[in-house]
């Protein structure tokens, strides 16, 4: 794809990692090809990880009508590997990561390029994640993810002003930054955004979060899926912290401490009534705090949130805490097998 002189604007290569997203990939592609950015400056690469539903057929239908859409990938391609495939093939100077499980606003690329063309130290731009819900459970899960009690302030809420942050989801990058910090870490099944964004930060560059760059996401529509998602996040966080110790934050271990307190007192309660009382006390305190936050949120969002939010909070916190513990045990197992030597981590 050749660059064309359209007001000096750069070519943007949009990379969409995909696996079994037949319900969402059509809307995602439609939002990308409907950008108000010059069409001749947009390259779209869908990188598939061996989808076995109808996703590929939908992508091929779009390819018949839009010559700037490519289909890449193959078996065993996870999300970071998909990004790396796309980056290596990209013709653009700007790389936009778009999640197939959502869609972007019509000015997503234009606003991203605007900010990347400003401050020379900005290498990545992203926006808050706006949930699109179709069930009460999905709404509760989305609210839990964006609340202070759920995960704290993060990429799900940017406020009204742009701000420099440590990470964004679905970031838009200057391609040159990958020549400085390297590509995505393909050993990470989850948490690859945080990991590479941290490398960008420690290289001395900036990441901007602005409400003008909008991405819409379909949250998990069941408590089980939310639990599994955050279990994976917790396990992945251990790998990221192992690789970048300075990335560690106390908030990373709060859900883990909660899970360990429950597990420890619950187990010891089988042998002592004292620990049984402690276990019930921890559960009661958590329920009271959870219901308190749910009531405050429910006053604005509706009474159904009061009923469902505590379950979403528990799924999120227990999933993350358990995943973090499993990640630590996996890390210790690797050290043990390596003869008590700390394993080398790919940079």
C-alpha atoms as a PDB file:
ATOM      1  CA  UNK A   1       0.000   0.000   0.000  1.00  0.00           C
ATOM      2  CA  UNK A   2       1.566   3.263  -1.117  1.00  0.00           C
ATOM      3  CA  UNK A   3       1.306   6.463   0.863  1.00  0.00           C
ATOM      4  CA  UNK A   4      -0.657   9.201  -0.847  1.00  0.00           C
ATOM      5  CA  UNK A   5      -0.319  12.931  -0.230  1.00  0.00           C
ATOM      6  CA  UNK A   6      -3.611  13.686   1.503  1.00  0.00           C
ATOM      7  CA  UNK A   7      -2.940  16.813   3.510  1.00  0.00           C
ATOM      8  CA  UNK A   8       0.262  15.325   4.877  1.00  0.00           C
ATOM      9  CA  UNK A   9      -1.651  12.713   6.869  1.00  0.00           C
ATOM     10  CA  UNK A  10       0.042   9.366   7.558  1.00  0.00           C
ATOM     11  CA  UNK A  11      -1.121   5.940   6.464  1.00  0.00           C
ATOM     12  CA  UNK A  12      -2.763   4.076   9.352  1.00  0.00           C
ATOM     13  CA  UNK A  13      -2.544   0.297   9.604  1.00  0.00           C
ATOM     14  CA  UNK A  14      -5.426  -1.094  11.652  1.00  0.00           C
ATOM     15  CA  UNK A  15      -4.712  -4.514  13.161  1.00  0.00           C
ATOM     16  CA  UNK A  16      -7.636  -6.608  14.414  1.00  0.00           C
ATOM     17  CA  UNK A  17      -6.674  -9.816  16.266  1.00  0.00           C
ATOM     18  CA  UNK A  18      -9.568 -12.263  15.949  1.00  0.00           C
ATOM     19  CA  UNK A  19     -10.655 -15.699  17.087  1.00  0.00           C
ATOM     20  CA  UNK A  20     -14.274 -16.844  16.968  1.00  0.00           C
ATOM     21  CA  UNK A  21     -15.874 -13.383  16.888  1.00  0.00           C
ATOM     22  CA  UNK A  22     -18.660 -13.987  14.366  1.00  0.00           C
ATOM     23  CA  UNK A  23     -21.118 -12.055  16.541  1.00  0.00           C
ATOM     24  CA  UNK A  24     -18.977  -8.918  16.612  1.00  0.00           C
ATOM     25  CA  UNK A  25     -16.432  -8.847  13.773  1.00  0.00           C
ATOM     26  CA  UNK A  26     -18.918  -7.472  11.247  1.00  0.00           C
ATOM     27  CA  UNK A  27     -19.725  -4.447  13.385  1.00  0.00           C
ATOM     28  CA  UNK A  28     -16.055  -3.976  14.165  1.00  0.00           C
ATOM     29  CA  UNK A  29     -15.048  -3.914  10.491  1.00  0.00           C
ATOM     30  CA  UNK A  30     -17.975  -1.674   9.601  1.00  0.00           C
ATOM     31  CA  UNK A  31     -16.826   0.877  12.178  1.00  0.00           C
ATOM     32  CA  UNK A  32     -13.268   0.825  10.806  1.00  0.00           C
ATOM     33  CA  UNK A  33     -14.182   1.248   7.148  1.00  0.00           C
ATOM     34  CA  UNK A  34     -16.647   4.014   8.079  1.00  0.00           C
ATOM     35  CA  UNK A  35     -13.966   6.265   9.565  1.00  0.00           C
ATOM     36  CA  UNK A  36     -13.938   9.944   8.630  1.00  0.00           C
ATOM     37  CA  UNK A  37     -10.200   9.554   7.985  1.00  0.00           C
ATOM     38  CA  UNK A  38      -9.212   9.405   4.262  1.00  0.00           C
ATOM     39  CA  UNK A  39     -10.100   5.905   3.054  1.00  0.00           C
ATOM     40  CA  UNK A  40      -7.015   5.659   0.844  1.00  0.00           C
ATOM     41  CA  UNK A  41      -4.848   6.069   3.953  1.00  0.00           C
ATOM     42  CA  UNK A  42      -6.397   3.192   5.898  1.00  0.00           C
ATOM     43  CA  UNK A  43      -5.032  -0.345   5.749  1.00  0.00           C
ATOM     44  CA  UNK A  44      -6.976  -3.033   7.635  1.00  0.00           C
ATOM     45  CA  UNK A  45      -5.441  -6.357   8.648  1.00  0.00           C
ATOM     46  CA  UNK A  46      -7.557  -8.996  10.371  1.00  0.00           C
ATOM     47  CA  UNK A  47      -5.174 -11.510  11.950  1.00  0.00           C
ATOM     48  CA  UNK A  48      -7.020 -14.719  12.729  1.00  0.00           C
ATOM     49  CA  UNK A  49      -6.091 -17.305  15.334  1.00  0.00           C
ATOM     50  CA  UNK A  50      -7.782 -20.344  13.752  1.00  0.00           C
ATOM     51  CA  UNK A  51     -11.416 -19.313  14.138  1.00  0.00           C
ATOM     52  CA  UNK A  52     -13.842 -22.216  13.829  1.00  0.00           C
ATOM     53  CA  UNK A  53     -17.120 -20.285  13.725  1.00  0.00           C
ATOM     54  CA  UNK A  54     -18.382 -18.004  10.945  1.00  0.00           C
ATOM     55  CA  UNK A  55     -15.860 -15.205  11.549  1.00  0.00           C
ATOM     56  CA  UNK A  56     -13.695 -15.935   8.504  1.00  0.00           C
ATOM     57  CA  UNK A  57     -16.667 -15.966   6.133  1.00  0.00           C
ATOM     58  CA  UNK A  58     -17.760 -12.555   7.403  1.00  0.00           C
ATOM     59  CA  UNK A  59     -14.274 -11.115   6.918  1.00  0.00           C
ATOM     60  CA  UNK A  60     -14.064 -12.513   3.384  1.00  0.00           C
ATOM     61  CA  UNK A  61     -17.397 -10.892   2.519  1.00  0.00           C
ATOM     62  CA  UNK A  62     -15.970  -7.526   3.579  1.00  0.00           C
ATOM     63  CA  UNK A  63     -12.809  -8.200   1.562  1.00  0.00           C
ATOM     64  CA  UNK A  64     -14.875  -8.619  -1.605  1.00  0.00           C
ATOM     65  CA  UNK A  65     -16.138  -5.052  -1.257  1.00  0.00           C
ATOM     66  CA  UNK A  66     -13.092  -3.388   0.295  1.00  0.00           C
ATOM     67  CA  UNK A  67      -9.679  -3.914  -1.262  1.00  0.00           C
ATOM     68  CA  UNK A  68      -7.841  -2.417   1.726  1.00  0.00           C
ATOM     69  CA  UNK A  69      -8.819  -5.319   4.021  1.00  0.00           C
ATOM     70  CA  UNK A  70      -6.393  -8.225   4.374  1.00  0.00           C
ATOM     71  CA  UNK A  71      -6.787 -11.555   6.182  1.00  0.00           C
ATOM     72  CA  UNK A  72      -3.694 -12.974   7.877  1.00  0.00           C
ATOM     73  CA  UNK A  73      -2.909 -15.457  10.643  1.00  0.00           C
ATOM     74  CA  UNK A  74      -3.135 -19.175  11.258  1.00  0.00           C
ATOM     75  CA  UNK A  75      -3.236 -21.879  13.978  1.00  0.00           C
ATOM     76  CA  UNK A  76      -1.664 -21.062  17.318  1.00  0.00           C
ATOM     77  CA  UNK A  77      -1.756 -17.293  16.818  1.00  0.00           C
ATOM     78  CA  UNK A  78      -2.634 -15.546  20.077  1.00  0.00           C
ATOM     79  CA  UNK A  79      -3.351 -11.833  20.437  1.00  0.00           C
ATOM     80  CA  UNK A  80       0.249 -10.570  20.852  1.00  0.00           C
ATOM     81  CA  UNK A  81       1.421 -12.830  18.012  1.00  0.00           C
ATOM     82  CA  UNK A  82      -1.388 -11.447  15.848  1.00  0.00           C
ATOM     83  CA  UNK A  83      -0.242  -7.909  16.603  1.00  0.00           C
ATOM     84  CA  UNK A  84       3.332  -8.760  15.671  1.00  0.00           C
ATOM     85  CA  UNK A  85       2.243 -10.330  12.381  1.00  0.00           C
ATOM     86  CA  UNK A  86       0.307  -7.186  11.567  1.00  0.00           C
ATOM     87  CA  UNK A  87       3.116  -4.827  12.580  1.00  0.00           C
ATOM     88  CA  UNK A  88       5.606  -6.650  10.362  1.00  0.00           C
ATOM     89  CA  UNK A  89       3.215  -6.449   7.404  1.00  0.00           C
ATOM     90  CA  UNK A  90       2.045  -2.895   8.059  1.00  0.00           C
ATOM     91  CA  UNK A  91       2.573  -0.217   5.434  1.00  0.00           C
ATOM     92  CA  UNK A  92       1.511   2.616   7.719  1.00  0.00           C
ATOM     93  CA  UNK A  93       3.497   4.824  10.072  1.00  0.00           C
ATOM     94  CA  UNK A  94       0.652   4.544  12.586  1.00  0.00           C
ATOM     95  CA  UNK A  95      -0.467   1.213  14.083  1.00  0.00           C
ATOM     96  CA  UNK A  96      -3.970   0.981  15.540  1.00  0.00           C
ATOM     97  CA  UNK A  97      -4.946  -2.033  17.616  1.00  0.00           C
ATOM     98  CA  UNK A  98      -8.688  -2.662  17.493  1.00  0.00           C
ATOM     99  CA  UNK A  99     -10.361  -5.421  19.489  1.00  0.00           C
ATOM    100  CA  UNK A 100     -12.709  -7.578  17.406  1.00  0.00           C
ATOM    101  CA  UNK A 101     -15.026  -7.790  20.432  1.00  0.00           C
ATOM    102  CA  UNK A 102     -16.016  -4.145  20.024  1.00  0.00           C
ATOM    103  CA  UNK A 103     -16.052  -1.200  17.623  1.00  0.00           C
ATOM    104  CA  UNK A 104     -14.630   2.302  17.307  1.00  0.00           C
ATOM    105  CA  UNK A 105     -16.177   5.745  16.941  1.00  0.00           C
ATOM    106  CA  UNK A 106     -16.219   7.262  13.449  1.00  0.00           C
ATOM    107  CA  UNK A 107     -13.458   9.739  14.377  1.00  0.00           C
ATOM    108  CA  UNK A 108     -11.269   7.197  16.202  1.00  0.00           C
ATOM    109  CA  UNK A 109      -8.387   7.312  13.724  1.00  0.00           C
ATOM    110  CA  UNK A 110      -8.591  11.030  13.013  1.00  0.00           C
ATOM    111  CA  UNK A 111      -8.445  11.964  16.692  1.00  0.00           C
ATOM    112  CA  UNK A 112      -5.664   9.462  17.378  1.00  0.00           C
ATOM    113  CA  UNK A 113      -3.529  10.852  14.551  1.00  0.00           C
ATOM    114  CA  UNK A 114      -4.226  14.373  15.788  1.00  0.00           C
ATOM    115  CA  UNK A 115      -2.718  13.651  19.203  1.00  0.00           C
ATOM    116  CA  UNK A 116       0.145  11.544  17.871  1.00  0.00           C
ATOM    117  CA  UNK A 117       1.087  14.412  15.562  1.00  0.00           C
ATOM    118  CA  UNK A 118       1.306  16.863  18.466  1.00  0.00           C
ATOM    119  CA  UNK A 119       3.623  16.238  21.419  1.00  0.00           C
ATOM    120  CA  UNK A 120       6.694  14.523  19.984  1.00  0.00           C
ATOM    121  CA  UNK A 121       7.117  12.360  23.093  1.00  0.00           C
ATOM    122  CA  UNK A 122       3.672  10.750  22.757  1.00  0.00           C
ATOM    123  CA  UNK A 123       4.045   7.305  21.218  1.00  0.00           C
ATOM    124  CA  UNK A 124       0.648   5.826  22.076  1.00  0.00           C
ATOM    125  CA  UNK A 125      -2.878   7.202  22.327  1.00  0.00           C
ATOM    126  CA  UNK A 126      -6.017   5.535  23.638  1.00  0.00           C
ATOM    127  CA  UNK A 127      -9.384   6.330  25.101  1.00  0.00           C
ATOM    128  CA  UNK A 128     -11.796   5.148  27.771  1.00  0.00           C
ATOM    129  CA  UNK A 129     -13.596   1.877  27.178  1.00  0.00           C
ATOM    130  CA  UNK A 130     -17.331   2.432  26.812  1.00  0.00           C
ATOM    131  CA  UNK A 131     -19.369  -0.730  27.495  1.00  0.00           C
ATOM    132  CA  UNK A 132     -22.253  -1.699  25.224  1.00  0.00           C
ATOM    133  CA  UNK A 133     -24.640  -3.889  27.214  1.00  0.00           C
ATOM    134  CA  UNK A 134     -27.649  -5.946  26.189  1.00  0.00           C
ATOM    135  CA  UNK A 135     -28.375  -7.834  29.442  1.00  0.00           C
ATOM    136  CA  UNK A 136     -28.543  -6.875  33.114  1.00  0.00           C
ATOM    137  CA  UNK A 137     -25.643  -9.195  33.936  1.00  0.00           C
ATOM    138  CA  UNK A 138     -23.475  -7.592  31.242  1.00  0.00           C
ATOM    139  CA  UNK A 139     -24.386  -4.169  32.641  1.00  0.00           C
ATOM    140  CA  UNK A 140     -23.466  -5.227  36.169  1.00  0.00           C
ATOM    141  CA  UNK A 141     -20.160  -6.680  34.964  1.00  0.00           C
ATOM    142  CA  UNK A 142     -19.357  -3.487  33.053  1.00  0.00           C
ATOM    143  CA  UNK A 143     -20.140  -1.291  36.057  1.00  0.00           C
ATOM    144  CA  UNK A 144     -18.031  -3.489  38.341  1.00  0.00           C
ATOM    145  CA  UNK A 145     -15.065  -3.159  35.984  1.00  0.00           C
ATOM    146  CA  UNK A 146     -15.310   0.632  35.938  1.00  0.00           C
ATOM    147  CA  UNK A 147     -15.992   1.231  39.638  1.00  0.00           C
ATOM    148  CA  UNK A 148     -13.466   2.175  42.299  1.00  0.00           C
ATOM    149  CA  UNK A 149     -14.378  -0.905  44.334  1.00  0.00           C
ATOM    150  CA  UNK A 150     -14.067  -3.134  41.282  1.00  0.00           C
ATOM    151  CA  UNK A 151     -10.668  -2.318  39.802  1.00  0.00           C
ATOM    152  CA  UNK A 152      -9.988   1.267  40.798  1.00  0.00           C
ATOM    153  CA  UNK A 153      -9.611   4.147  38.380  1.00  0.00           C
ATOM    154  CA  UNK A 154      -8.205   2.989  35.067  1.00  0.00           C
ATOM    155  CA  UNK A 155      -8.663   2.876  31.307  1.00  0.00           C
ATOM    156  CA  UNK A 156     -12.417   2.501  31.654  1.00  0.00           C
ATOM    157  CA  UNK A 157     -12.864   6.102  32.759  1.00  0.00           C
ATOM    158  CA  UNK A 158     -10.807   9.009  31.461  1.00  0.00           C
ATOM    159  CA  UNK A 159     -12.803  11.894  32.846  1.00  0.00           C
ATOM    160  CA  UNK A 160     -13.267  15.024  30.766  1.00  0.00           C
ATOM    161  CA  UNK A 161      -9.618  15.880  30.142  1.00  0.00           C
ATOM    162  CA  UNK A 162      -6.710  14.132  28.441  1.00  0.00           C
ATOM    163  CA  UNK A 163      -4.092  12.725  30.796  1.00  0.00           C
ATOM    164  CA  UNK A 164      -0.845  10.797  30.658  1.00  0.00           C
ATOM    165  CA  UNK A 165      -1.207   7.216  31.905  1.00  0.00           C
ATOM    166  CA  UNK A 166       0.736   3.964  32.181  1.00  0.00           C
ATOM    167  CA  UNK A 167      -1.463   1.938  29.843  1.00  0.00           C
ATOM    168  CA  UNK A 168      -4.455   1.998  27.521  1.00  0.00           C
ATOM    169  CA  UNK A 169      -6.523  -0.692  25.870  1.00  0.00           C
ATOM    170  CA  UNK A 170      -6.694  -0.732  22.063  1.00  0.00           C
ATOM    171  CA  UNK A 171      -3.875   1.756  21.731  1.00  0.00           C
ATOM    172  CA  UNK A 172      -2.860   3.613  18.578  1.00  0.00           C
ATOM    173  CA  UNK A 173       0.925   3.671  18.232  1.00  0.00           C
ATOM    174  CA  UNK A 174       3.622   5.368  16.222  1.00  0.00           C
ATOM    175  CA  UNK A 175       5.148   2.433  14.373  1.00  0.00           C
ATOM    176  CA  UNK A 176       8.665   3.605  15.127  1.00  0.00           C
ATOM    177  CA  UNK A 177       8.218   2.906  18.835  1.00  0.00           C
ATOM    178  CA  UNK A 178       8.329  -0.838  18.170  1.00  0.00           C
ATOM    179  CA  UNK A 179      11.817  -0.420  16.773  1.00  0.00           C
ATOM    180  CA  UNK A 180      12.814   1.067  20.132  1.00  0.00           C
ATOM    181  CA  UNK A 181      11.007  -1.129  22.690  1.00  0.00           C
ATOM    182  CA  UNK A 182      10.469  -4.270  20.607  1.00  0.00           C
ATOM    183  CA  UNK A 183       7.293  -6.080  19.595  1.00  0.00           C
ATOM    184  CA  UNK A 184       4.531  -7.579  21.748  1.00  0.00           C
ATOM    185  CA  UNK A 185       5.552 -10.407  24.086  1.00  0.00           C
ATOM    186  CA  UNK A 186       4.029 -13.521  22.524  1.00  0.00           C
ATOM    187  CA  UNK A 187       4.475 -15.536  25.721  1.00  0.00           C
ATOM    188  CA  UNK A 188       1.649 -13.531  27.297  1.00  0.00           C
ATOM    189  CA  UNK A 189      -1.841 -14.837  26.624  1.00  0.00           C
ATOM    190  CA  UNK A 190      -3.237 -11.844  28.511  1.00  0.00           C
ATOM    191  CA  UNK A 191      -1.845  -8.524  29.706  1.00  0.00           C
ATOM    192  CA  UNK A 192       0.160  -7.865  26.547  1.00  0.00           C
ATOM    193  CA  UNK A 193      -1.106  -4.273  26.337  1.00  0.00           C
ATOM    194  CA  UNK A 194       0.087  -3.391  29.830  1.00  0.00           C
ATOM    195  CA  UNK A 195       3.442  -5.058  29.286  1.00  0.00           C
ATOM    196  CA  UNK A 196       4.387  -3.284  26.059  1.00  0.00           C
ATOM    197  CA  UNK A 197       2.955   0.011  27.279  1.00  0.00           C
ATOM    198  CA  UNK A 198       5.154  -0.239  30.362  1.00  0.00           C
ATOM    199  CA  UNK A 199       8.176  -0.700  28.098  1.00  0.00           C
ATOM    200  CA  UNK A 200       7.144   2.467  26.281  1.00  0.00           C
ATOM    201  CA  UNK A 201       6.923   4.366  29.570  1.00  0.00           C
ATOM    202  CA  UNK A 202      10.333   3.255  30.860  1.00  0.00           C
ATOM    203  CA  UNK A 203      11.871   4.180  27.498  1.00  0.00           C
ATOM    204  CA  UNK A 204      11.003   7.792  28.305  1.00  0.00           C
ATOM    205  CA  UNK A 205       8.008   8.149  25.986  1.00  0.00           C
ATOM    206  CA  UNK A 206       4.431   9.078  26.856  1.00  0.00           C
ATOM    207  CA  UNK A 207       1.029   7.389  26.606  1.00  0.00           C
ATOM    208  CA  UNK A 208      -2.023   9.631  26.376  1.00  0.00           C
ATOM    209  CA  UNK A 209      -5.546   8.735  27.470  1.00  0.00           C
ATOM    210  CA  UNK A 210      -8.165  11.089  26.047  1.00  0.00           C
ATOM    211  CA  UNK A 211     -11.981  10.946  25.981  1.00  0.00           C
ATOM    212  CA  UNK A 212     -11.837  12.070  22.349  1.00  0.00           C
ATOM    213  CA  UNK A 213     -10.556   8.644  21.257  1.00  0.00           C
ATOM    214  CA  UNK A 214     -13.545   6.364  21.761  1.00  0.00           C
ATOM    215  CA  UNK A 215     -13.739   2.578  21.737  1.00  0.00           C
ATOM    216  CA  UNK A 216     -16.901   0.594  22.499  1.00  0.00           C
ATOM    217  CA  UNK A 217     -16.703  -2.882  23.996  1.00  0.00           C
ATOM    218  CA  UNK A 218     -19.157  -5.704  24.663  1.00  0.00           C
ATOM    219  CA  UNK A 219     -18.501  -6.874  28.255  1.00  0.00           C
ATOM    220  CA  UNK A 220     -18.801 -10.485  29.418  1.00  0.00           C
ATOM    221  CA  UNK A 221     -22.468 -11.461  29.703  1.00  0.00           C
ATOM    222  CA  UNK A 222     -22.104 -14.015  32.510  1.00  0.00           C
ATOM    223  CA  UNK A 223     -20.468 -14.113  35.926  1.00  0.00           C
ATOM    224  CA  UNK A 224     -18.554 -17.251  34.954  1.00  0.00           C
ATOM    225  CA  UNK A 225     -16.994 -15.507  31.949  1.00  0.00           C
ATOM    226  CA  UNK A 226     -16.076 -12.487  34.091  1.00  0.00           C
ATOM    227  CA  UNK A 227     -14.453 -14.767  36.668  1.00  0.00           C
ATOM    228  CA  UNK A 228     -12.459 -16.566  33.976  1.00  0.00           C
ATOM    229  CA  UNK A 229     -11.417 -13.275  32.358  1.00  0.00           C
ATOM    230  CA  UNK A 230     -10.039 -11.887  35.607  1.00  0.00           C
ATOM    231  CA  UNK A 231      -8.456 -15.194  36.567  1.00  0.00           C
ATOM    232  CA  UNK A 232      -6.463 -14.906  33.344  1.00  0.00           C
ATOM    233  CA  UNK A 233      -5.649 -11.252  34.068  1.00  0.00           C
ATOM    234  CA  UNK A 234      -4.393 -12.145  37.541  1.00  0.00           C
ATOM    235  CA  UNK A 235      -2.167 -14.947  36.264  1.00  0.00           C
ATOM    236  CA  UNK A 236      -0.803 -12.699  33.500  1.00  0.00           C
ATOM    237  CA  UNK A 237      -0.075  -9.870  35.948  1.00  0.00           C
ATOM    238  CA  UNK A 238       2.477 -12.087  37.705  1.00  0.00           C
ATOM    239  CA  UNK A 239       4.375 -12.528  34.428  1.00  0.00           C
ATOM    240  CA  UNK A 240       4.327  -8.796  33.740  1.00  0.00           C
ATOM    241  CA  UNK A 241       5.557  -7.928  37.246  1.00  0.00           C
ATOM    242  CA  UNK A 242       8.216 -10.648  36.999  1.00  0.00           C
ATOM    243  CA  UNK A 243       9.494  -9.038  33.815  1.00  0.00           C
ATOM    244  CA  UNK A 244       9.106  -5.454  35.071  1.00  0.00           C
ATOM    245  CA  UNK A 245       9.329  -5.336  38.909  1.00  0.00           C
ATOM    246  CA  UNK A 246       8.827  -1.561  38.915  1.00  0.00           C
ATOM    247  CA  UNK A 247       5.397  -2.130  37.398  1.00  0.00           C
ATOM    248  CA  UNK A 248       4.223  -3.598  40.715  1.00  0.00           C
ATOM    249  CA  UNK A 249       1.487  -1.698  42.538  1.00  0.00           C
ATOM    250  CA  UNK A 250      -0.071  -2.520  45.908  1.00  0.00           C
ATOM    251  CA  UNK A 251      -3.520  -2.584  44.305  1.00  0.00           C
ATOM    252  CA  UNK A 252      -2.372  -5.601  42.265  1.00  0.00           C
ATOM    253  CA  UNK A 253      -2.333  -7.777  45.390  1.00  0.00           C
ATOM    254  CA  UNK A 254      -5.415  -6.540  47.265  1.00  0.00           C
ATOM    255  CA  UNK A 255      -7.753  -9.087  45.605  1.00  0.00           C
ATOM    256  CA  UNK A 256      -5.061 -11.719  46.161  1.00  0.00           C
ATOM    257  CA  UNK A 257      -4.878 -10.896  49.872  1.00  0.00           C
ATOM    258  CA  UNK A 258      -8.669 -11.157  50.056  1.00  0.00           C
ATOM    259  CA  UNK A 259      -8.655 -14.557  48.365  1.00  0.00           C
ATOM    260  CA  UNK A 260      -5.830 -15.852  50.569  1.00  0.00           C
ATOM    261  CA  UNK A 261      -7.594 -14.603  53.698  1.00  0.00           C
ATOM    262  CA  UNK A 262     -10.755 -16.449  52.696  1.00  0.00           C
ATOM    263  CA  UNK A 263      -8.896 -19.591  51.696  1.00  0.00           C
ATOM    264  CA  UNK A 264      -6.668 -19.595  54.754  1.00  0.00           C
ATOM    265  CA  UNK A 265      -9.317 -18.934  57.388  1.00  0.00           C
ATOM    266  CA  UNK A 266     -11.802 -21.176  55.593  1.00  0.00           C
ATOM    267  CA  UNK A 267      -9.362 -24.079  55.634  1.00  0.00           C
ATOM    268  CA  UNK A 268      -8.255 -23.523  59.234  1.00  0.00           C
ATOM    269  CA  UNK A 269     -11.883 -23.221  60.345  1.00  0.00           C
ATOM    270  CA  UNK A 270     -12.091 -26.983  59.859  1.00  0.00           C
ATOM    271  CA  UNK A 271      -9.761 -27.302  62.860  1.00  0.00           C
ATOM    272  CA  UNK A 272     -10.570 -24.261  64.966  1.00  0.00           C
ATOM    273  CA  UNK A 273     -13.737 -22.283  65.712  1.00  0.00           C
ATOM    274  CA  UNK A 274     -11.585 -19.176  66.063  1.00  0.00           C
ATOM    275  CA  UNK A 275     -10.685 -19.276  62.386  1.00  0.00           C
ATOM    276  CA  UNK A 276     -14.292 -20.068  61.569  1.00  0.00           C
ATOM    277  CA  UNK A 277     -15.261 -16.798  63.212  1.00  0.00           C
ATOM    278  CA  UNK A 278     -12.545 -14.933  61.323  1.00  0.00           C
ATOM    279  CA  UNK A 279     -13.751 -16.451  58.057  1.00  0.00           C
ATOM    280  CA  UNK A 280     -17.332 -15.356  58.696  1.00  0.00           C
ATOM    281  CA  UNK A 281     -16.104 -11.920  59.757  1.00  0.00           C
ATOM    282  CA  UNK A 282     -14.160 -11.438  56.514  1.00  0.00           C
ATOM    283  CA  UNK A 283     -17.138 -12.585  54.449  1.00  0.00           C
ATOM    284  CA  UNK A 284     -19.520 -10.325  56.376  1.00  0.00           C
ATOM    285  CA  UNK A 285     -17.251  -7.291  56.031  1.00  0.00           C
ATOM    286  CA  UNK A 286     -16.842  -7.893  52.291  1.00  0.00           C
ATOM    287  CA  UNK A 287     -20.599  -8.311  51.812  1.00  0.00           C
ATOM    288  CA  UNK A 288     -21.322  -5.087  53.714  1.00  0.00           C
ATOM    289  CA  UNK A 289     -18.800  -3.076  51.694  1.00  0.00           C
ATOM    290  CA  UNK A 290     -19.944  -4.661  48.435  1.00  0.00           C
ATOM    291  CA  UNK A 291     -23.603  -3.958  49.190  1.00  0.00           C
ATOM    292  CA  UNK A 292     -22.720  -0.401  50.174  1.00  0.00           C
ATOM    293  CA  UNK A 293     -21.045   0.327  46.842  1.00  0.00           C
ATOM    294  CA  UNK A 294     -23.854  -1.497  45.029  1.00  0.00           C
ATOM    295  CA  UNK A 295     -26.495   0.610  46.772  1.00  0.00           C
ATOM    296  CA  UNK A 296     -24.751   3.867  45.872  1.00  0.00           C
ATOM    297  CA  UNK A 297     -24.380   2.779  42.252  1.00  0.00           C
ATOM    298  CA  UNK A 298     -27.879   1.291  42.188  1.00  0.00           C
ATOM    299  CA  UNK A 299     -29.387   4.621  43.203  1.00  0.00           C
ATOM    300  CA  UNK A 300     -28.231   5.905  39.826  1.00  0.00           C
ATOM    301  CA  UNK A 301     -28.330   2.788  37.652  1.00  0.00           C
ATOM    302  CA  UNK A 302     -31.443   1.018  39.020  1.00  0.00           C
ATOM    303  CA  UNK A 303     -32.375  -1.539  41.660  1.00  0.00           C
ATOM    304  CA  UNK A 304     -31.295  -4.528  39.562  1.00  0.00           C
ATOM    305  CA  UNK A 305     -27.703  -3.396  39.952  1.00  0.00           C
ATOM    306  CA  UNK A 306     -28.039  -3.692  43.734  1.00  0.00           C
ATOM    307  CA  UNK A 307     -28.914  -7.362  43.280  1.00  0.00           C
ATOM    308  CA  UNK A 308     -26.339  -8.240  40.611  1.00  0.00           C
ATOM    309  CA  UNK A 309     -23.343  -6.027  41.374  1.00  0.00           C
ATOM    310  CA  UNK A 310     -22.217  -7.918  44.504  1.00  0.00           C
ATOM    311  CA  UNK A 311     -21.940 -11.083  42.411  1.00  0.00           C
ATOM    312  CA  UNK A 312     -19.964  -9.215  39.725  1.00  0.00           C
ATOM    313  CA  UNK A 313     -17.620  -7.782  42.358  1.00  0.00           C
ATOM    314  CA  UNK A 314     -17.055 -11.227  43.874  1.00  0.00           C
ATOM    315  CA  UNK A 315     -16.432 -12.851  40.476  1.00  0.00           C
ATOM    316  CA  UNK A 316     -13.946 -10.139  39.586  1.00  0.00           C
ATOM    317  CA  UNK A 317     -12.058 -10.091  42.900  1.00  0.00           C
ATOM    318  CA  UNK A 318     -11.979 -13.841  43.493  1.00  0.00           C
ATOM    319  CA  UNK A 319     -11.096 -14.560  39.870  1.00  0.00           C
ATOM    320  CA  UNK A 320      -8.202 -12.113  39.894  1.00  0.00           C
ATOM    321  CA  UNK A 321      -6.973 -13.176  43.321  1.00  0.00           C
ATOM    322  CA  UNK A 322      -7.051 -16.863  42.467  1.00  0.00           C
ATOM    323  CA  UNK A 323      -5.373 -16.224  39.113  1.00  0.00           C
ATOM    324  CA  UNK A 324      -2.597 -14.184  40.740  1.00  0.00           C
ATOM    325  CA  UNK A 325      -1.963 -17.007  43.230  1.00  0.00           C
ATOM    326  CA  UNK A 326      -1.849 -19.580  40.443  1.00  0.00           C
ATOM    327  CA  UNK A 327       0.539 -17.332  38.535  1.00  0.00           C
ATOM    328  CA  UNK A 328       2.868 -17.161  41.533  1.00  0.00           C
ATOM    329  CA  UNK A 329       2.752 -20.940  41.993  1.00  0.00           C
ATOM    330  CA  UNK A 330       3.519 -21.429  38.319  1.00  0.00           C
ATOM    331  CA  UNK A 331       6.445 -19.029  38.578  1.00  0.00           C
ATOM    332  CA  UNK A 332       7.820 -20.828  41.641  1.00  0.00           C
ATOM    333  CA  UNK A 333       7.449 -24.162  39.864  1.00  0.00           C
ATOM    334  CA  UNK A 334       9.531 -22.866  36.959  1.00  0.00           C
ATOM    335  CA  UNK A 335      12.220 -21.661  39.368  1.00  0.00           C
ATOM    336  CA  UNK A 336      12.255 -25.050  41.078  1.00  0.00           C
ATOM    337  CA  UNK A 337      12.628 -26.921  37.803  1.00  0.00           C
ATOM    338  CA  UNK A 338      15.407 -24.567  36.749  1.00  0.00           C
ATOM    339  CA  UNK A 339      17.444 -25.584  39.781  1.00  0.00           C
ATOM    340  CA  UNK A 340      16.294 -22.691  41.972  1.00  0.00           C
ATOM    341  CA  UNK A 341      17.582 -20.173  39.433  1.00  0.00           C
ATOM    342  CA  UNK A 342      15.301 -17.346  38.399  1.00  0.00           C
ATOM    343  CA  UNK A 343      14.093 -18.049  34.839  1.00  0.00           C
ATOM    344  CA  UNK A 344      15.082 -15.710  32.062  1.00  0.00           C
ATOM    345  CA  UNK A 345      12.207 -13.672  30.722  1.00  0.00           C
ATOM    346  CA  UNK A 346      11.965 -12.673  27.095  1.00  0.00           C
ATOM    347  CA  UNK A 347      12.458  -8.941  26.595  1.00  0.00           C
END
